[in-house]
Amino acid sequence: MIYCFDTYYFEEYAQTSCLGIESCASDTADFELTESISEIKDYESGSFYKRELPCLQSIINKIELDPEKDIIIIDGFVVLDDNGKLGLGGYLFKHLNSEIPIIGVAKNNFATINSLKREVLRGESAKPLYVTAAGINLEEASEKVSKMHEDFRIPTILKLVDSSCRKPRP
């Protein structure tokens, strides 16, 4: 399964959603889980993972991941430069004992990465998505993102997971 994650920060808590799909072409989720945590760290420039990794872990701890089949897609970067400086996805990969492939999909460029990042143009959009990866070949990761459902820049499932995490808890 391909598990797609996104987190949104409300004033008092952070909410993370995970939607799982069986294939890149899927337009609906086969798995869905949303968690809120109230003990979130302040944003620290250059160390965003310290704030968001616990949010991702709150859901990952409830999923039985299969290293042979599963992939995780995050909203963000796996590496932050061409020397392999870890971003959120890289720290998540380490947390998972480097067993589950991580694909980072970012909407905005991070200028310090060139060779460890691919630009993926989707549909008729002139603005690319930026793909980084760990545990999976970068070309294969980029191909998966390019084949995701939707003819526009942002794949359907990534729009859905973004919307899901933004719904305030009751």
C-alpha atoms as a PDB file:
ATOM      1  CA  MET A   1       0.000   0.000   0.000  1.00  0.00           C
ATOM      2  CA  ILE A   2       1.056   3.591  -0.579  1.00  0.00           C
ATOM      3  CA  TYR A   3       0.451   5.642   2.569  1.00  0.00           C
ATOM      4  CA  CYS A   4       0.165   9.397   2.009  1.00  0.00           C
ATOM      5  CA  PHE A   5       0.631  11.736   4.994  1.00  0.00           C
ATOM      6  CA  ASP A   6       0.016  15.403   5.666  1.00  0.00           C
ATOM      7  CA  THR A   7      -0.117  17.503   8.836  1.00  0.00           C
ATOM      8  CA  TYR A   8      -1.869  20.770   9.593  1.00  0.00           C
ATOM      9  CA  TYR A   9      -1.153  22.945  12.616  1.00  0.00           C
ATOM     10  CA  PHE A  10      -4.080  24.469  14.440  1.00  0.00           C
ATOM     11  CA  GLU A  11      -3.546  26.945  17.286  1.00  0.00           C
ATOM     12  CA  GLU A  12      -3.726  24.325  20.067  1.00  0.00           C
ATOM     13  CA  TYR A  13      -2.845  21.081  18.288  1.00  0.00           C
ATOM     14  CA  ALA A  14      -1.492  19.422  15.164  1.00  0.00           C
ATOM     15  CA  GLN A  15      -3.572  17.053  13.100  1.00  0.00           C
ATOM     16  CA  THR A  16      -2.085  14.432  10.814  1.00  0.00           C
ATOM     17  CA  SER A  17      -3.998  12.426   8.250  1.00  0.00           C
ATOM     18  CA  CYS A  18      -2.939   9.321   6.407  1.00  0.00           C
ATOM     19  CA  LEU A  19      -4.681   7.964   3.336  1.00  0.00           C
ATOM     20  CA  GLY A  20      -3.658   4.638   1.856  1.00  0.00           C
ATOM     21  CA  ILE A  21      -4.048   3.622  -1.776  1.00  0.00           C
ATOM     22  CA  GLU A  22      -3.369   0.326  -3.499  1.00  0.00           C
ATOM     23  CA  SER A  23      -1.843   1.885  -6.616  1.00  0.00           C
ATOM     24  CA  CYS A  24      -0.670   5.245  -7.902  1.00  0.00           C
ATOM     25  CA  ALA A  25      -3.688   5.428 -10.186  1.00  0.00           C
ATOM     26  CA  SER A  26      -6.162   5.241  -7.280  1.00  0.00           C
ATOM     27  CA  ASP A  27      -8.452   8.231  -6.798  1.00  0.00           C
ATOM     28  CA  THR A  28     -10.018   7.059  -3.525  1.00  0.00           C
ATOM     29  CA  ALA A  29      -8.486   5.867  -0.288  1.00  0.00           C
ATOM     30  CA  ASP A  30      -8.543   2.239   0.816  1.00  0.00           C
ATOM     31  CA  PHE A  31      -7.273   3.259   4.265  1.00  0.00           C
ATOM     32  CA  GLU A  32      -7.811   6.401   6.330  1.00  0.00           C
ATOM     33  CA  LEU A  33      -6.663   7.481   9.761  1.00  0.00           C
ATOM     34  CA  THR A  34      -6.419  10.922  11.373  1.00  0.00           C
ATOM     35  CA  GLU A  35      -4.715  11.704  14.681  1.00  0.00           C
ATOM     36  CA  SER A  36      -4.388  14.903  16.688  1.00  0.00           C
ATOM     37  CA  ILE A  37      -1.627  15.643  19.156  1.00  0.00           C
ATOM     38  CA  SER A  38      -1.560  18.621  21.460  1.00  0.00           C
ATOM     39  CA  GLU A  39       2.055  18.484  22.593  1.00  0.00           C
ATOM     40  CA  ILE A  40       3.778  19.932  19.569  1.00  0.00           C
ATOM     41  CA  LYS A  41       7.172  21.577  19.513  1.00  0.00           C
ATOM     42  CA  ASP A  42       7.705  25.106  18.291  1.00  0.00           C
ATOM     43  CA  TYR A  43       8.974  25.505  14.755  1.00  0.00           C
ATOM     44  CA  GLU A  44      12.764  25.457  14.666  1.00  0.00           C
ATOM     45  CA  SER A  45      14.387  26.668  11.453  1.00  0.00           C
ATOM     46  CA  GLY A  46      16.400  23.879   9.839  1.00  0.00           C
ATOM     47  CA  SER A  47      14.887  21.270  12.170  1.00  0.00           C
ATOM     48  CA  PHE A  48      11.273  21.050  11.033  1.00  0.00           C
ATOM     49  CA  TYR A  49      11.403  17.280  11.530  1.00  0.00           C
ATOM     50  CA  LYS A  50      11.463  17.790  15.318  1.00  0.00           C
ATOM     51  CA  ARG A  51       8.008  19.333  15.077  1.00  0.00           C
ATOM     52  CA  GLU A  52       6.408  17.029  12.525  1.00  0.00           C
ATOM     53  CA  LEU A  53       8.002  13.611  13.045  1.00  0.00           C
ATOM     54  CA  PRO A  54       6.012  12.931  16.270  1.00  0.00           C
ATOM     55  CA  CYS A  55       2.829  13.738  14.336  1.00  0.00           C
ATOM     56  CA  LEU A  56       3.659  11.136  11.672  1.00  0.00           C
ATOM     57  CA  GLN A  57       4.710   8.607  14.315  1.00  0.00           C
ATOM     58  CA  SER A  58       1.324   8.913  16.043  1.00  0.00           C
ATOM     59  CA  ILE A  59      -0.261   7.252  13.008  1.00  0.00           C
ATOM     60  CA  ILE A  60       2.630   5.039  11.887  1.00  0.00           C
ATOM     61  CA  ASN A  61       2.595   3.353  15.294  1.00  0.00           C
ATOM     62  CA  LYS A  62      -0.932   2.155  14.487  1.00  0.00           C
ATOM     63  CA  ILE A  63      -0.123   0.737  11.046  1.00  0.00           C
ATOM     64  CA  GLU A  64       1.474  -2.626  10.410  1.00  0.00           C
ATOM     65  CA  LEU A  65       3.865  -1.607   7.644  1.00  0.00           C
ATOM     66  CA  ASP A  66       5.155  -4.240   5.231  1.00  0.00           C
ATOM     67  CA  PRO A  67       8.735  -3.504   4.072  1.00  0.00           C
ATOM     68  CA  GLU A  68       8.185  -5.672   1.003  1.00  0.00           C
ATOM     69  CA  LYS A  69       5.131  -3.785  -0.292  1.00  0.00           C
ATOM     70  CA  ASP A  70       4.522  -0.457   1.416  1.00  0.00           C
ATOM     71  CA  ILE A  71       5.689   3.044   0.521  1.00  0.00           C
ATOM     72  CA  ILE A  72       5.160   6.287   2.430  1.00  0.00           C
ATOM     73  CA  ILE A  73       4.635   9.629   0.706  1.00  0.00           C
ATOM     74  CA  ILE A  74       5.068  12.779   2.766  1.00  0.00           C
ATOM     75  CA  ASP A  75       4.413  16.428   2.048  1.00  0.00           C
ATOM     76  CA  GLY A  76       7.970  17.714   2.206  1.00  0.00           C
ATOM     77  CA  PHE A  77      11.561  16.765   1.532  1.00  0.00           C
ATOM     78  CA  VAL A  78      13.507  13.596   2.305  1.00  0.00           C
ATOM     79  CA  VAL A  79      16.876  15.324   1.902  1.00  0.00           C
ATOM     80  CA  LEU A  80      17.731  19.017   2.106  1.00  0.00           C
ATOM     81  CA  ASP A  81      20.921  19.172   0.057  1.00  0.00           C
ATOM     82  CA  ASP A  82      23.041  17.177  -2.378  1.00  0.00           C
ATOM     83  CA  ASN A  83      25.220  15.920   0.476  1.00  0.00           C
ATOM     84  CA  GLY A  84      22.217  14.023   1.824  1.00  0.00           C
ATOM     85  CA  LYS A  85      21.398  16.271   4.801  1.00  0.00           C
ATOM     86  CA  LEU A  86      18.237  14.723   6.200  1.00  0.00           C
ATOM     87  CA  GLY A  87      14.878  16.399   5.931  1.00  0.00           C
ATOM     88  CA  LEU A  88      11.638  15.173   7.495  1.00  0.00           C
ATOM     89  CA  GLY A  89      11.435  12.159   5.175  1.00  0.00           C
ATOM     90  CA  GLY A  90      15.035  11.193   5.855  1.00  0.00           C
ATOM     91  CA  TYR A  91      14.456  11.217   9.600  1.00  0.00           C
ATOM     92  CA  LEU A  92      11.294   9.182   9.103  1.00  0.00           C
ATOM     93  CA  PHE A  93      13.244   6.673   6.992  1.00  0.00           C
ATOM     94  CA  LYS A  94      15.827   6.347   9.789  1.00  0.00           C
ATOM     95  CA  HIS A  95      13.042   5.999  12.381  1.00  0.00           C
ATOM     96  CA  LEU A  96      11.653   3.092  10.346  1.00  0.00           C
ATOM     97  CA  ASN A  97      15.065   1.361  10.374  1.00  0.00           C
ATOM     98  CA  SER A  98      15.574   2.237   6.697  1.00  0.00           C
ATOM     99  CA  GLU A  99      13.061  -0.482   5.766  1.00  0.00           C
ATOM    100  CA  ILE A 100      10.118   1.453   4.301  1.00  0.00           C
ATOM    101  CA  PRO A 101      10.703   3.588   1.179  1.00  0.00           C
ATOM    102  CA  ILE A 102       9.880   7.269   1.649  1.00  0.00           C
ATOM    103  CA  ILE A 103       8.944   9.644  -1.161  1.00  0.00           C
ATOM    104  CA  GLY A 104       8.872  13.353  -0.437  1.00  0.00           C
ATOM    105  CA  VAL A 105       6.621  15.495  -2.608  1.00  0.00           C
ATOM    106  CA  ALA A 106       6.983  19.244  -2.136  1.00  0.00           C
ATOM    107  CA  LYS A 107       5.081  22.041  -3.821  1.00  0.00           C
ATOM    108  CA  ASN A 108       7.854  24.599  -3.361  1.00  0.00           C
ATOM    109  CA  ASN A 109      11.476  24.320  -4.397  1.00  0.00           C
ATOM    110  CA  PHE A 110      14.356  23.992  -1.961  1.00  0.00           C
ATOM    111  CA  ALA A 111      17.317  25.591  -3.703  1.00  0.00           C
ATOM    112  CA  THR A 112      20.089  23.643  -1.934  1.00  0.00           C
ATOM    113  CA  ILE A 113      19.144  20.386  -3.683  1.00  0.00           C
ATOM    114  CA  ASN A 114      19.958  19.652  -7.307  1.00  0.00           C
ATOM    115  CA  SER A 115      21.113  16.092  -8.011  1.00  0.00           C
ATOM    116  CA  LEU A 116      19.018  14.436  -5.256  1.00  0.00           C
ATOM    117  CA  LYS A 117      15.768  16.036  -6.396  1.00  0.00           C
ATOM    118  CA  ARG A 118      13.586  15.643  -9.472  1.00  0.00           C
ATOM    119  CA  GLU A 119      11.077  18.076 -10.880  1.00  0.00           C
ATOM    120  CA  VAL A 120       7.864  16.377 -11.942  1.00  0.00           C
ATOM    121  CA  LEU A 121       5.533  18.212 -14.271  1.00  0.00           C
ATOM    122  CA  ARG A 122       1.973  16.935 -14.200  1.00  0.00           C
ATOM    123  CA  GLY A 123      -0.893  17.692 -16.542  1.00  0.00           C
ATOM    124  CA  GLU A 124      -0.570  21.050 -18.235  1.00  0.00           C
ATOM    125  CA  SER A 125       0.978  22.760 -15.238  1.00  0.00           C
ATOM    126  CA  ALA A 126       4.189  24.683 -15.883  1.00  0.00           C
ATOM    127  CA  LYS A 127       4.993  24.513 -12.158  1.00  0.00           C
ATOM    128  CA  PRO A 128       6.605  21.245 -11.059  1.00  0.00           C
ATOM    129  CA  LEU A 129       6.341  19.161  -7.923  1.00  0.00           C
ATOM    130  CA  TYR A 130       9.704  18.456  -6.292  1.00  0.00           C
ATOM    131  CA  VAL A 131      10.425  14.811  -5.493  1.00  0.00           C
ATOM    132  CA  THR A 132      13.080  13.421  -3.167  1.00  0.00           C
ATOM    133  CA  ALA A 133      13.361   9.853  -1.884  1.00  0.00           C
ATOM    134  CA  ALA A 134      15.016   7.312   0.399  1.00  0.00           C
ATOM    135  CA  GLY A 135      14.899   3.537   0.068  1.00  0.00           C
ATOM    136  CA  ILE A 136      13.620   3.818  -3.489  1.00  0.00           C
ATOM    137  CA  ASN A 137      15.355   4.928  -6.670  1.00  0.00           C
ATOM    138  CA  LEU A 138      14.687   8.631  -7.299  1.00  0.00           C
ATOM    139  CA  GLU A 139      13.653   7.976 -10.912  1.00  0.00           C
ATOM    140  CA  GLU A 140      11.165   5.307  -9.792  1.00  0.00           C
ATOM    141  CA  ALA A 141       9.806   7.626  -7.090  1.00  0.00           C
ATOM    142  CA  SER A 142       9.357  10.423  -9.633  1.00  0.00           C
ATOM    143  CA  GLU A 143       7.609   8.049 -12.026  1.00  0.00           C
ATOM    144  CA  LYS A 144       5.175   7.005  -9.289  1.00  0.00           C
ATOM    145  CA  VAL A 145       4.336  10.639  -8.559  1.00  0.00           C
ATOM    146  CA  SER A 146       3.881  11.418 -12.248  1.00  0.00           C
ATOM    147  CA  LYS A 147       1.467   8.456 -12.610  1.00  0.00           C
ATOM    148  CA  MET A 148      -0.708   9.405  -9.643  1.00  0.00           C
ATOM    149  CA  HIS A 149      -4.374  10.050 -10.412  1.00  0.00           C
ATOM    150  CA  GLU A 150      -5.374  13.510 -11.668  1.00  0.00           C
ATOM    151  CA  ASP A 151      -4.569  15.503 -14.742  1.00  0.00           C
ATOM    152  CA  PHE A 152      -3.515  18.560 -12.785  1.00  0.00           C
ATOM    153  CA  ARG A 153      -0.411  19.471 -10.804  1.00  0.00           C
ATOM    154  CA  ILE A 154      -1.461  17.985  -7.447  1.00  0.00           C
ATOM    155  CA  PRO A 155      -2.522  14.317  -7.471  1.00  0.00           C
ATOM    156  CA  THR A 156      -6.026  13.541  -6.208  1.00  0.00           C
ATOM    157  CA  ILE A 157      -4.928  11.567  -3.155  1.00  0.00           C
ATOM    158  CA  LEU A 158      -2.530  14.313  -2.045  1.00  0.00           C
ATOM    159  CA  LYS A 159      -5.348  16.867  -2.311  1.00  0.00           C
ATOM    160  CA  LEU A 160      -7.579  14.573  -0.257  1.00  0.00           C
ATOM    161  CA  VAL A 161      -5.024  13.991   2.513  1.00  0.00           C
ATOM    162  CA  ASP A 162      -4.353  17.752   2.680  1.00  0.00           C
ATOM    163  CA  SER A 163      -8.076  18.424   3.033  1.00  0.00           C
ATOM    164  CA  SER A 164      -8.489  15.662   5.609  1.00  0.00           C
ATOM    165  CA  CYS A 165      -5.849  17.002   8.009  1.00  0.00           C
ATOM    166  CA  ARG A 166      -7.320  20.520   7.817  1.00  0.00           C
ATOM    167  CA  LYS A 167     -10.740  19.521   9.156  1.00  0.00           C
ATOM    168  CA  PRO A 168     -10.863  20.654  12.786  1.00  0.00           C
ATOM    169  CA  ARG A 169     -11.559  17.934  15.291  1.00  0.00           C
ATOM    170  CA  PRO A 170     -14.949  18.094  16.993  1.00  0.00           C
END
